[in-house]
């Protein structure tokens, strides 16, 4: 049987075992969330050995080359030596400089890192509340303009991290993990193409950053943003978006409540086939948006999507 070596321990596991399950069964603290390769919080570093990786493209090429793997997507094929992500060793400390409620359900959390953090609009970052409580949250801030890192935390349902975030105060500290993602971004080559942004819930956070980046870079073509919320109170950035639309005539906004979504998708039409679409939502919503865009005539290669799961689905 293959042998795993990690954190000073060695243990045997069955050939073909899921790596995340094998680690957890043997008491190795590895945070996990979606188990689908999307959230990327279960990263471990393969120092030596054989793993079958079902999603080698999920991580950036440079990080993959360093040996990092998503434990939930790997199966053990032989003896393996691993290192687990340690927030105290590899993370960065950040201080809470903003803690306010955009609605009764959405907490806006602003963090000031101890040193400059390089990131792009639309990426997400791991927030560490403890060795096993690590969650990815999308950045709503704009690099090189906002001096803080901004996150929108959905607190409509109870969860371990959202409960932790509620209790934070100005001056509190926590650790930051690695910057992840890249599907949601703005490419300067898109300036003359219509831009379509589609989000549900706090999936709006990264697209808010991408929208501001596009406007900062002088995007000239029409921009259409659609936000789906549980109810009208869920359109938590409505006033900020309306202010942007007033200052930028090429920006059109559509606020849709969940009950209206089927009718909205049924009548959806593209401005033109050259459009670029960026989508961020729960997997079910992403699937509905992607199907709508495909039926409207937008090639799949022009749809960039990121998914998130709710606290309940994360097992919190």
C-alpha atoms as a PDB file:
ATOM      1  CA  UNK A   1       0.000   0.000   0.000  1.00  0.00           C
ATOM      2  CA  UNK A   2       1.234   3.542  -0.751  1.00  0.00           C
ATOM      3  CA  UNK A   3       2.696   5.518   2.111  1.00  0.00           C
ATOM      4  CA  UNK A   4       1.956   9.209   2.760  1.00  0.00           C
ATOM      5  CA  UNK A   5       4.513  11.340   4.577  1.00  0.00           C
ATOM      6  CA  UNK A   6       3.256  14.690   5.899  1.00  0.00           C
ATOM      7  CA  UNK A   7       3.733  16.907   8.945  1.00  0.00           C
ATOM      8  CA  UNK A   8       6.256  14.501  10.458  1.00  0.00           C
ATOM      9  CA  UNK A   9       3.862  11.566  10.184  1.00  0.00           C
ATOM     10  CA  UNK A  10       3.768   8.501   7.942  1.00  0.00           C
ATOM     11  CA  UNK A  11       0.783   6.304   7.241  1.00  0.00           C
ATOM     12  CA  UNK A  12      -0.396   3.810   4.652  1.00  0.00           C
ATOM     13  CA  UNK A  13      -3.446   4.393   2.448  1.00  0.00           C
ATOM     14  CA  UNK A  14      -5.231   2.337  -0.170  1.00  0.00           C
ATOM     15  CA  UNK A  15      -4.029   2.660  -3.743  1.00  0.00           C
ATOM     16  CA  UNK A  16      -6.263   5.109  -5.599  1.00  0.00           C
ATOM     17  CA  UNK A  17      -7.473   6.853  -2.434  1.00  0.00           C
ATOM     18  CA  UNK A  18      -8.719  10.413  -2.723  1.00  0.00           C
ATOM     19  CA  UNK A  19      -5.898  12.474  -1.230  1.00  0.00           C
ATOM     20  CA  UNK A  20      -8.113  14.867   0.739  1.00  0.00           C
ATOM     21  CA  UNK A  21     -10.057  11.998   2.312  1.00  0.00           C
ATOM     22  CA  UNK A  22      -6.854  10.123   3.140  1.00  0.00           C
ATOM     23  CA  UNK A  23      -5.383  13.165   4.877  1.00  0.00           C
ATOM     24  CA  UNK A  24      -8.504  13.921   6.896  1.00  0.00           C
ATOM     25  CA  UNK A  25      -9.007  10.286   7.976  1.00  0.00           C
ATOM     26  CA  UNK A  26      -5.468  10.301   9.350  1.00  0.00           C
ATOM     27  CA  UNK A  27      -5.937  13.519  11.305  1.00  0.00           C
ATOM     28  CA  UNK A  28      -4.109  15.946   9.004  1.00  0.00           C
ATOM     29  CA  UNK A  29      -5.793  19.366   9.155  1.00  0.00           C
ATOM     30  CA  UNK A  30      -6.474  20.373   5.556  1.00  0.00           C
ATOM     31  CA  UNK A  31      -9.196  22.988   4.976  1.00  0.00           C
ATOM     32  CA  UNK A  32     -11.740  22.107   2.317  1.00  0.00           C
ATOM     33  CA  UNK A  33     -14.877  23.604   0.873  1.00  0.00           C
ATOM     34  CA  UNK A  34     -16.392  22.820  -2.539  1.00  0.00           C
ATOM     35  CA  UNK A  35     -14.555  19.521  -3.285  1.00  0.00           C
ATOM     36  CA  UNK A  36     -14.941  20.360  -6.974  1.00  0.00           C
ATOM     37  CA  UNK A  37     -11.650  22.159  -7.613  1.00  0.00           C
ATOM     38  CA  UNK A  38     -13.235  25.615  -7.657  1.00  0.00           C
ATOM     39  CA  UNK A  39     -12.509  27.115  -4.238  1.00  0.00           C
ATOM     40  CA  UNK A  40      -8.869  25.942  -4.192  1.00  0.00           C
ATOM     41  CA  UNK A  41      -8.545  26.016  -0.396  1.00  0.00           C
ATOM     42  CA  UNK A  42      -7.371  22.388  -0.071  1.00  0.00           C
ATOM     43  CA  UNK A  43      -3.951  22.999  -1.613  1.00  0.00           C
ATOM     44  CA  UNK A  44      -1.051  20.806  -0.517  1.00  0.00           C
ATOM     45  CA  UNK A  45       2.479  20.727  -1.898  1.00  0.00           C
ATOM     46  CA  UNK A  46       3.711  17.463  -3.388  1.00  0.00           C
ATOM     47  CA  UNK A  47       7.425  17.295  -2.586  1.00  0.00           C
ATOM     48  CA  UNK A  48       7.916  13.815  -4.018  1.00  0.00           C
ATOM     49  CA  UNK A  49       5.825  10.915  -5.241  1.00  0.00           C
ATOM     50  CA  UNK A  50       2.980   9.931  -7.525  1.00  0.00           C
ATOM     51  CA  UNK A  51      -0.448  11.571  -7.640  1.00  0.00           C
ATOM     52  CA  UNK A  52      -3.098  11.389 -10.339  1.00  0.00           C
ATOM     53  CA  UNK A  53      -4.459  14.927 -10.725  1.00  0.00           C
ATOM     54  CA  UNK A  54      -7.925  15.184 -12.299  1.00  0.00           C
ATOM     55  CA  UNK A  55      -7.613  18.959 -12.788  1.00  0.00           C
ATOM     56  CA  UNK A  56      -3.982  19.937 -13.452  1.00  0.00           C
ATOM     57  CA  UNK A  57      -5.168  23.108 -15.173  1.00  0.00           C
ATOM     58  CA  UNK A  58      -7.030  24.393 -12.083  1.00  0.00           C
ATOM     59  CA  UNK A  59      -3.981  26.108 -10.559  1.00  0.00           C
ATOM     60  CA  UNK A  60      -1.741  28.745 -12.159  1.00  0.00           C
ATOM     61  CA  UNK A  61       1.121  27.135 -14.088  1.00  0.00           C
ATOM     62  CA  UNK A  62       3.816  28.601 -11.853  1.00  0.00           C
ATOM     63  CA  UNK A  63       2.131  27.339  -8.680  1.00  0.00           C
ATOM     64  CA  UNK A  64       1.597  23.913 -10.209  1.00  0.00           C
ATOM     65  CA  UNK A  65       5.282  23.809 -11.149  1.00  0.00           C
ATOM     66  CA  UNK A  66       6.133  24.458  -7.486  1.00  0.00           C
ATOM     67  CA  UNK A  67       4.336  21.220  -6.626  1.00  0.00           C
ATOM     68  CA  UNK A  68       1.032  22.591  -5.306  1.00  0.00           C
ATOM     69  CA  UNK A  69      -2.002  20.379  -5.895  1.00  0.00           C
ATOM     70  CA  UNK A  70      -5.699  20.412  -5.015  1.00  0.00           C
ATOM     71  CA  UNK A  71      -6.060  17.510  -2.591  1.00  0.00           C
ATOM     72  CA  UNK A  72      -9.724  16.989  -3.470  1.00  0.00           C
ATOM     73  CA  UNK A  73      -8.802  16.341  -7.116  1.00  0.00           C
ATOM     74  CA  UNK A  74      -5.887  13.964  -6.546  1.00  0.00           C
ATOM     75  CA  UNK A  75      -5.666  10.202  -6.107  1.00  0.00           C
ATOM     76  CA  UNK A  76      -2.708   8.405  -4.575  1.00  0.00           C
ATOM     77  CA  UNK A  77      -0.753   6.267  -7.049  1.00  0.00           C
ATOM     78  CA  UNK A  78       2.350   5.590  -4.973  1.00  0.00           C
ATOM     79  CA  UNK A  79       4.422   6.818  -2.036  1.00  0.00           C
ATOM     80  CA  UNK A  80       3.979  10.572  -1.589  1.00  0.00           C
ATOM     81  CA  UNK A  81       5.695  13.214   0.519  1.00  0.00           C
ATOM     82  CA  UNK A  82       3.566  16.309   1.159  1.00  0.00           C
ATOM     83  CA  UNK A  83       3.592  19.704   2.813  1.00  0.00           C
ATOM     84  CA  UNK A  84       0.342  21.324   3.947  1.00  0.00           C
ATOM     85  CA  UNK A  85      -0.351  25.039   3.682  1.00  0.00           C
ATOM     86  CA  UNK A  86       0.450  26.733   6.985  1.00  0.00           C
ATOM     87  CA  UNK A  87      -1.145  30.203   7.336  1.00  0.00           C
ATOM     88  CA  UNK A  88       1.256  31.104  10.136  1.00  0.00           C
ATOM     89  CA  UNK A  89       4.270  30.234   7.995  1.00  0.00           C
ATOM     90  CA  UNK A  90       3.153  31.146   4.490  1.00  0.00           C
ATOM     91  CA  UNK A  91       0.295  33.581   5.074  1.00  0.00           C
ATOM     92  CA  UNK A  92       0.321  37.334   5.537  1.00  0.00           C
ATOM     93  CA  UNK A  93      -1.223  39.213   8.443  1.00  0.00           C
ATOM     94  CA  UNK A  94      -3.916  41.808   7.744  1.00  0.00           C
ATOM     95  CA  UNK A  95      -5.742  44.278   9.976  1.00  0.00           C
ATOM     96  CA  UNK A  96      -9.458  45.044   9.822  1.00  0.00           C
ATOM     97  CA  UNK A  97      -9.868  48.700   8.771  1.00  0.00           C
ATOM     98  CA  UNK A  98     -13.510  48.480   7.668  1.00  0.00           C
ATOM     99  CA  UNK A  99     -16.422  46.459   9.045  1.00  0.00           C
ATOM    100  CA  UNK A 100     -19.871  47.625   8.001  1.00  0.00           C
ATOM    101  CA  UNK A 101     -23.140  46.196   6.697  1.00  0.00           C
ATOM    102  CA  UNK A 102     -24.180  46.941   3.120  1.00  0.00           C
ATOM    103  CA  UNK A 103     -27.507  45.232   3.893  1.00  0.00           C
ATOM    104  CA  UNK A 104     -28.704  43.210   6.868  1.00  0.00           C
ATOM    105  CA  UNK A 105     -27.181  40.137   5.167  1.00  0.00           C
ATOM    106  CA  UNK A 106     -24.011  41.392   3.445  1.00  0.00           C
ATOM    107  CA  UNK A 107     -20.968  42.395   5.464  1.00  0.00           C
ATOM    108  CA  UNK A 108     -18.332  44.589   3.818  1.00  0.00           C
ATOM    109  CA  UNK A 109     -14.948  43.675   5.216  1.00  0.00           C
ATOM    110  CA  UNK A 110     -11.903  45.827   4.454  1.00  0.00           C
ATOM    111  CA  UNK A 111      -8.444  44.554   5.352  1.00  0.00           C
ATOM    112  CA  UNK A 112      -5.075  46.266   5.288  1.00  0.00           C
ATOM    113  CA  UNK A 113      -2.254  43.746   4.637  1.00  0.00           C
ATOM    114  CA  UNK A 114       1.047  44.122   6.422  1.00  0.00           C
ATOM    115  CA  UNK A 115       2.763  44.596   3.059  1.00  0.00           C
ATOM    116  CA  UNK A 116       1.694  45.319  -0.497  1.00  0.00           C
ATOM    117  CA  UNK A 117      -0.228  42.439  -2.048  1.00  0.00           C
ATOM    118  CA  UNK A 118      -0.108  42.006  -5.812  1.00  0.00           C
ATOM    119  CA  UNK A 119      -3.413  40.979  -7.364  1.00  0.00           C
ATOM    120  CA  UNK A 120      -5.723  41.687 -10.288  1.00  0.00           C
ATOM    121  CA  UNK A 121      -9.343  42.796 -10.263  1.00  0.00           C
ATOM    122  CA  UNK A 122     -11.583  39.723 -10.206  1.00  0.00           C
ATOM    123  CA  UNK A 123      -9.259  37.379  -8.317  1.00  0.00           C
ATOM    124  CA  UNK A 124     -10.004  35.806  -4.958  1.00  0.00           C
ATOM    125  CA  UNK A 125      -7.995  35.393  -1.792  1.00  0.00           C
ATOM    126  CA  UNK A 126      -7.971  32.874   1.029  1.00  0.00           C
ATOM    127  CA  UNK A 127      -8.977  34.299   4.406  1.00  0.00           C
ATOM    128  CA  UNK A 128      -7.695  32.289   7.363  1.00  0.00           C
ATOM    129  CA  UNK A 129      -9.571  32.263  10.656  1.00  0.00           C
ATOM    130  CA  UNK A 130      -7.610  29.253  11.905  1.00  0.00           C
ATOM    131  CA  UNK A 131      -5.656  26.215  10.678  1.00  0.00           C
ATOM    132  CA  UNK A 132      -8.802  24.455   9.468  1.00  0.00           C
ATOM    133  CA  UNK A 133     -11.020  27.477   8.802  1.00  0.00           C
ATOM    134  CA  UNK A 134      -9.787  28.788   5.475  1.00  0.00           C
ATOM    135  CA  UNK A 135     -12.249  30.244   2.968  1.00  0.00           C
ATOM    136  CA  UNK A 136     -11.840  31.849  -0.472  1.00  0.00           C
ATOM    137  CA  UNK A 137     -13.458  35.267  -0.927  1.00  0.00           C
ATOM    138  CA  UNK A 138     -13.460  37.365  -4.069  1.00  0.00           C
ATOM    139  CA  UNK A 139     -11.762  40.738  -4.038  1.00  0.00           C
ATOM    140  CA  UNK A 140     -14.113  43.654  -4.711  1.00  0.00           C
ATOM    141  CA  UNK A 141     -11.333  46.230  -4.405  1.00  0.00           C
ATOM    142  CA  UNK A 142      -9.365  47.797  -7.240  1.00  0.00           C
ATOM    143  CA  UNK A 143      -5.572  47.286  -7.190  1.00  0.00           C
ATOM    144  CA  UNK A 144      -3.402  50.405  -7.191  1.00  0.00           C
ATOM    145  CA  UNK A 145      -6.437  52.519  -6.273  1.00  0.00           C
ATOM    146  CA  UNK A 146      -7.953  51.111  -3.091  1.00  0.00           C
ATOM    147  CA  UNK A 147      -5.316  50.846  -0.379  1.00  0.00           C
ATOM    148  CA  UNK A 148      -7.372  48.163   1.385  1.00  0.00           C
ATOM    149  CA  UNK A 149      -8.595  44.732   0.297  1.00  0.00           C
ATOM    150  CA  UNK A 150     -12.396  44.595   0.157  1.00  0.00           C
ATOM    151  CA  UNK A 151     -14.584  41.518   0.577  1.00  0.00           C
ATOM    152  CA  UNK A 152     -18.358  41.052   0.667  1.00  0.00           C
ATOM    153  CA  UNK A 153     -19.384  38.312   3.099  1.00  0.00           C
ATOM    154  CA  UNK A 154     -22.851  36.779   2.684  1.00  0.00           C
ATOM    155  CA  UNK A 155     -24.299  36.243   6.155  1.00  0.00           C
ATOM    156  CA  UNK A 156     -27.896  35.291   5.297  1.00  0.00           C
ATOM    157  CA  UNK A 157     -27.192  31.745   6.475  1.00  0.00           C
ATOM    158  CA  UNK A 158     -25.015  30.703   9.391  1.00  0.00           C
ATOM    159  CA  UNK A 159     -21.534  29.400   8.697  1.00  0.00           C
ATOM    160  CA  UNK A 160     -18.281  29.012  10.584  1.00  0.00           C
ATOM    161  CA  UNK A 161     -16.477  31.766   8.691  1.00  0.00           C
ATOM    162  CA  UNK A 162     -19.416  34.173   8.438  1.00  0.00           C
ATOM    163  CA  UNK A 163     -19.967  33.788  12.192  1.00  0.00           C
ATOM    164  CA  UNK A 164     -16.273  34.550  12.706  1.00  0.00           C
ATOM    165  CA  UNK A 165     -16.465  37.581  10.399  1.00  0.00           C
ATOM    166  CA  UNK A 166     -19.464  39.007  12.263  1.00  0.00           C
ATOM    167  CA  UNK A 167     -17.403  39.148  15.460  1.00  0.00           C
ATOM    168  CA  UNK A 168     -14.441  40.983  13.941  1.00  0.00           C
ATOM    169  CA  UNK A 169     -13.822  44.577  15.021  1.00  0.00           C
ATOM    170  CA  UNK A 170     -11.716  47.443  13.758  1.00  0.00           C
ATOM    171  CA  UNK A 171      -8.139  46.573  14.619  1.00  0.00           C
ATOM    172  CA  UNK A 172      -8.710  42.797  14.636  1.00  0.00           C
ATOM    173  CA  UNK A 173      -6.184  40.743  12.689  1.00  0.00           C
ATOM    174  CA  UNK A 174      -6.355  37.606  10.573  1.00  0.00           C
ATOM    175  CA  UNK A 175      -4.119  35.790   8.123  1.00  0.00           C
ATOM    176  CA  UNK A 176      -4.310  35.916   4.344  1.00  0.00           C
ATOM    177  CA  UNK A 177      -3.566  32.925   2.158  1.00  0.00           C
ATOM    178  CA  UNK A 178      -2.687  32.801  -1.520  1.00  0.00           C
ATOM    179  CA  UNK A 179      -4.252  34.905  -4.269  1.00  0.00           C
ATOM    180  CA  UNK A 180      -6.184  32.620  -6.616  1.00  0.00           C
ATOM    181  CA  UNK A 181      -8.184  32.770  -9.806  1.00  0.00           C
ATOM    182  CA  UNK A 182      -7.880  34.557 -13.090  1.00  0.00           C
ATOM    183  CA  UNK A 183     -10.985  33.570 -15.021  1.00  0.00           C
ATOM    184  CA  UNK A 184     -12.629  36.862 -14.107  1.00  0.00           C
ATOM    185  CA  UNK A 185     -10.415  39.654 -15.361  1.00  0.00           C
ATOM    186  CA  UNK A 186     -10.303  42.578 -17.758  1.00  0.00           C
ATOM    187  CA  UNK A 187      -8.197  42.382 -20.915  1.00  0.00           C
ATOM    188  CA  UNK A 188      -7.292  45.738 -22.522  1.00  0.00           C
ATOM    189  CA  UNK A 189      -7.789  44.081 -25.924  1.00  0.00           C
ATOM    190  CA  UNK A 190     -11.516  43.982 -25.120  1.00  0.00           C
ATOM    191  CA  UNK A 191     -11.936  47.766 -25.179  1.00  0.00           C
ATOM    192  CA  UNK A 192     -13.921  47.837 -28.425  1.00  0.00           C
ATOM    193  CA  UNK A 193     -16.059  44.775 -27.577  1.00  0.00           C
ATOM    194  CA  UNK A 194     -19.365  44.835 -25.681  1.00  0.00           C
ATOM    195  CA  UNK A 195     -18.859  43.558 -22.150  1.00  0.00           C
ATOM    196  CA  UNK A 196     -21.522  41.517 -20.359  1.00  0.00           C
ATOM    197  CA  UNK A 197     -21.247  41.006 -16.588  1.00  0.00           C
ATOM    198  CA  UNK A 198     -23.674  38.564 -14.922  1.00  0.00           C
ATOM    199  CA  UNK A 199     -23.705  37.830 -11.193  1.00  0.00           C
ATOM    200  CA  UNK A 200     -25.931  36.544  -8.427  1.00  0.00           C
ATOM    201  CA  UNK A 201     -25.651  37.412  -4.744  1.00  0.00           C
ATOM    202  CA  UNK A 202     -22.145  38.323  -3.623  1.00  0.00           C
ATOM    203  CA  UNK A 203     -20.850  36.982  -6.937  1.00  0.00           C
ATOM    204  CA  UNK A 204     -21.150  40.669  -7.748  1.00  0.00           C
ATOM    205  CA  UNK A 205     -18.020  41.413  -5.690  1.00  0.00           C
ATOM    206  CA  UNK A 206     -15.336  40.381  -8.240  1.00  0.00           C
ATOM    207  CA  UNK A 207     -17.339  41.795 -11.159  1.00  0.00           C
ATOM    208  CA  UNK A 208     -17.571  45.127  -9.350  1.00  0.00           C
ATOM    209  CA  UNK A 209     -13.768  45.169  -9.330  1.00  0.00           C
ATOM    210  CA  UNK A 210     -13.570  44.108 -12.991  1.00  0.00           C
ATOM    211  CA  UNK A 211     -16.139  46.765 -13.974  1.00  0.00           C
ATOM    212  CA  UNK A 212     -14.159  49.511 -12.266  1.00  0.00           C
ATOM    213  CA  UNK A 213     -10.968  48.219 -13.913  1.00  0.00           C
ATOM    214  CA  UNK A 214     -12.622  48.334 -17.348  1.00  0.00           C
ATOM    215  CA  UNK A 215     -13.813  51.905 -16.770  1.00  0.00           C
ATOM    216  CA  UNK A 216     -10.404  52.920 -15.437  1.00  0.00           C
ATOM    217  CA  UNK A 217      -8.804  51.621 -18.629  1.00  0.00           C
ATOM    218  CA  UNK A 218     -11.220  53.594 -20.784  1.00  0.00           C
ATOM    219  CA  UNK A 219     -13.466  50.814 -22.095  1.00  0.00           C
ATOM    220  CA  UNK A 220     -15.359  52.382 -24.996  1.00  0.00           C
ATOM    221  CA  UNK A 221     -17.906  49.695 -25.983  1.00  0.00           C
ATOM    222  CA  UNK A 222     -21.213  49.104 -24.162  1.00  0.00           C
ATOM    223  CA  UNK A 223     -21.068  47.399 -20.758  1.00  0.00           C
ATOM    224  CA  UNK A 224     -24.145  45.569 -19.498  1.00  0.00           C
ATOM    225  CA  UNK A 225     -24.290  44.399 -15.886  1.00  0.00           C
ATOM    226  CA  UNK A 226     -27.004  42.060 -14.600  1.00  0.00           C
ATOM    227  CA  UNK A 227     -27.303  41.301 -10.895  1.00  0.00           C
ATOM    228  CA  UNK A 228     -29.670  38.618  -9.603  1.00  0.00           C
ATOM    229  CA  UNK A 229     -30.672  38.802  -5.929  1.00  0.00           C
ATOM    230  CA  UNK A 230     -33.019  36.906  -3.646  1.00  0.00           C
ATOM    231  CA  UNK A 231     -35.179  40.039  -3.333  1.00  0.00           C
ATOM    232  CA  UNK A 232     -34.883  43.773  -4.013  1.00  0.00           C
ATOM    233  CA  UNK A 233     -32.965  44.321  -0.767  1.00  0.00           C
ATOM    234  CA  UNK A 234     -30.290  41.957  -2.075  1.00  0.00           C
ATOM    235  CA  UNK A 235     -29.056  44.432  -4.699  1.00  0.00           C
ATOM    236  CA  UNK A 236     -26.532  45.621  -2.170  1.00  0.00           C
ATOM    237  CA  UNK A 237     -24.358  47.797  -4.470  1.00  0.00           C
ATOM    238  CA  UNK A 238     -27.270  49.398  -6.308  1.00  0.00           C
ATOM    239  CA  UNK A 239     -26.461  53.004  -5.355  1.00  0.00           C
ATOM    240  CA  UNK A 240     -22.751  52.637  -6.149  1.00  0.00           C
ATOM    241  CA  UNK A 241     -23.556  51.083  -9.520  1.00  0.00           C
ATOM    242  CA  UNK A 242     -26.115  53.766 -10.355  1.00  0.00           C
ATOM    243  CA  UNK A 243     -23.482  56.409  -9.621  1.00  0.00           C
ATOM    244  CA  UNK A 244     -21.056  54.667 -11.988  1.00  0.00           C
ATOM    245  CA  UNK A 245     -23.738  54.452 -14.687  1.00  0.00           C
ATOM    246  CA  UNK A 246     -24.468  58.167 -14.359  1.00  0.00           C
ATOM    247  CA  UNK A 247     -20.773  58.960 -14.861  1.00  0.00           C
ATOM    248  CA  UNK A 248     -20.295  56.421 -17.671  1.00  0.00           C
ATOM    249  CA  UNK A 249     -23.103  56.410 -20.289  1.00  0.00           C
ATOM    250  CA  UNK A 250     -21.872  53.149 -21.865  1.00  0.00           C
ATOM    251  CA  UNK A 251     -22.852  51.265 -18.674  1.00  0.00           C
ATOM    252  CA  UNK A 252     -26.355  49.738 -18.526  1.00  0.00           C
ATOM    253  CA  UNK A 253     -27.672  48.067 -15.371  1.00  0.00           C
ATOM    254  CA  UNK A 254     -30.285  45.353 -14.853  1.00  0.00           C
ATOM    255  CA  UNK A 255     -31.420  44.353 -11.362  1.00  0.00           C
ATOM    256  CA  UNK A 256     -33.365  41.076 -11.309  1.00  0.00           C
ATOM    257  CA  UNK A 257     -34.952  39.255  -8.371  1.00  0.00           C
ATOM    258  CA  UNK A 258     -34.851  35.466  -8.343  1.00  0.00           C
ATOM    259  CA  UNK A 259     -38.543  35.045  -9.104  1.00  0.00           C
ATOM    260  CA  UNK A 260     -38.121  37.063 -12.311  1.00  0.00           C
ATOM    261  CA  UNK A 261     -35.012  35.247 -13.526  1.00  0.00           C
ATOM    262  CA  UNK A 262     -36.665  32.585 -15.777  1.00  0.00           C
ATOM    263  CA  UNK A 263     -38.574  35.273 -17.686  1.00  0.00           C
ATOM    264  CA  UNK A 264     -35.469  37.457 -17.901  1.00  0.00           C
ATOM    265  CA  UNK A 265     -33.370  34.637 -19.357  1.00  0.00           C
ATOM    266  CA  UNK A 266     -36.125  33.633 -21.779  1.00  0.00           C
ATOM    267  CA  UNK A 267     -36.174  37.085 -23.406  1.00  0.00           C
ATOM    268  CA  UNK A 268     -32.417  37.693 -23.185  1.00  0.00           C
ATOM    269  CA  UNK A 269     -30.733  38.943 -26.369  1.00  0.00           C
ATOM    270  CA  UNK A 270     -27.106  39.841 -27.117  1.00  0.00           C
ATOM    271  CA  UNK A 271     -25.986  43.263 -28.251  1.00  0.00           C
ATOM    272  CA  UNK A 272     -23.689  41.478 -30.712  1.00  0.00           C
ATOM    273  CA  UNK A 273     -21.819  38.190 -31.054  1.00  0.00           C
ATOM    274  CA  UNK A 274     -18.453  39.877 -30.430  1.00  0.00           C
ATOM    275  CA  UNK A 275     -19.445  40.342 -26.787  1.00  0.00           C
ATOM    276  CA  UNK A 276     -17.321  39.071 -23.900  1.00  0.00           C
ATOM    277  CA  UNK A 277     -19.222  37.640 -20.922  1.00  0.00           C
ATOM    278  CA  UNK A 278     -17.989  37.339 -17.334  1.00  0.00           C
ATOM    279  CA  UNK A 279     -20.151  35.294 -14.968  1.00  0.00           C
ATOM    280  CA  UNK A 280     -19.904  34.732 -11.208  1.00  0.00           C
ATOM    281  CA  UNK A 281     -22.589  32.866  -9.285  1.00  0.00           C
ATOM    282  CA  UNK A 282     -23.642  29.649  -7.585  1.00  0.00           C
ATOM    283  CA  UNK A 283     -23.005  26.666  -9.925  1.00  0.00           C
ATOM    284  CA  UNK A 284     -26.709  26.344 -10.753  1.00  0.00           C
ATOM    285  CA  UNK A 285     -26.924  30.007 -11.709  1.00  0.00           C
ATOM    286  CA  UNK A 286     -23.694  29.791 -13.721  1.00  0.00           C
ATOM    287  CA  UNK A 287     -25.202  26.888 -15.645  1.00  0.00           C
ATOM    288  CA  UNK A 288     -28.390  28.852 -16.337  1.00  0.00           C
ATOM    289  CA  UNK A 289     -26.450  31.927 -17.455  1.00  0.00           C
ATOM    290  CA  UNK A 290     -24.121  29.864 -19.672  1.00  0.00           C
ATOM    291  CA  UNK A 291     -27.043  28.098 -21.350  1.00  0.00           C
ATOM    292  CA  UNK A 292     -28.785  31.415 -21.953  1.00  0.00           C
ATOM    293  CA  UNK A 293     -25.663  32.936 -23.503  1.00  0.00           C
ATOM    294  CA  UNK A 294     -25.112  29.887 -25.704  1.00  0.00           C
ATOM    295  CA  UNK A 295     -28.689  29.977 -26.974  1.00  0.00           C
ATOM    296  CA  UNK A 296     -28.300  33.698 -27.601  1.00  0.00           C
ATOM    297  CA  UNK A 297     -25.380  32.904 -29.920  1.00  0.00           C
ATOM    298  CA  UNK A 298     -22.333  33.674 -27.777  1.00  0.00           C
ATOM    299  CA  UNK A 299     -19.472  31.167 -28.370  1.00  0.00           C
ATOM    300  CA  UNK A 300     -18.353  29.351 -25.219  1.00  0.00           C
ATOM    301  CA  UNK A 301     -14.796  30.632 -25.699  1.00  0.00           C
ATOM    302  CA  UNK A 302     -16.065  34.158 -24.953  1.00  0.00           C
ATOM    303  CA  UNK A 303     -17.665  33.214 -21.639  1.00  0.00           C
ATOM    304  CA  UNK A 304     -15.440  33.403 -18.553  1.00  0.00           C
ATOM    305  CA  UNK A 305     -17.000  32.003 -15.378  1.00  0.00           C
ATOM    306  CA  UNK A 306     -16.235  31.502 -11.720  1.00  0.00           C
ATOM    307  CA  UNK A 307     -18.442  29.704  -9.215  1.00  0.00           C
ATOM    308  CA  UNK A 308     -18.955  29.896  -5.480  1.00  0.00           C
ATOM    309  CA  UNK A 309     -20.891  27.730  -3.050  1.00  0.00           C
ATOM    310  CA  UNK A 310     -22.965  28.702  -0.050  1.00  0.00           C
ATOM    311  CA  UNK A 311     -21.910  28.244   3.550  1.00  0.00           C
ATOM    312  CA  UNK A 312     -24.227  25.272   3.967  1.00  0.00           C
ATOM    313  CA  UNK A 313     -22.742  23.531   0.928  1.00  0.00           C
ATOM    314  CA  UNK A 314     -19.256  24.161   2.300  1.00  0.00           C
ATOM    315  CA  UNK A 315     -20.170  22.066   5.307  1.00  0.00           C
ATOM    316  CA  UNK A 316     -20.110  24.976   7.721  1.00  0.00           C
END
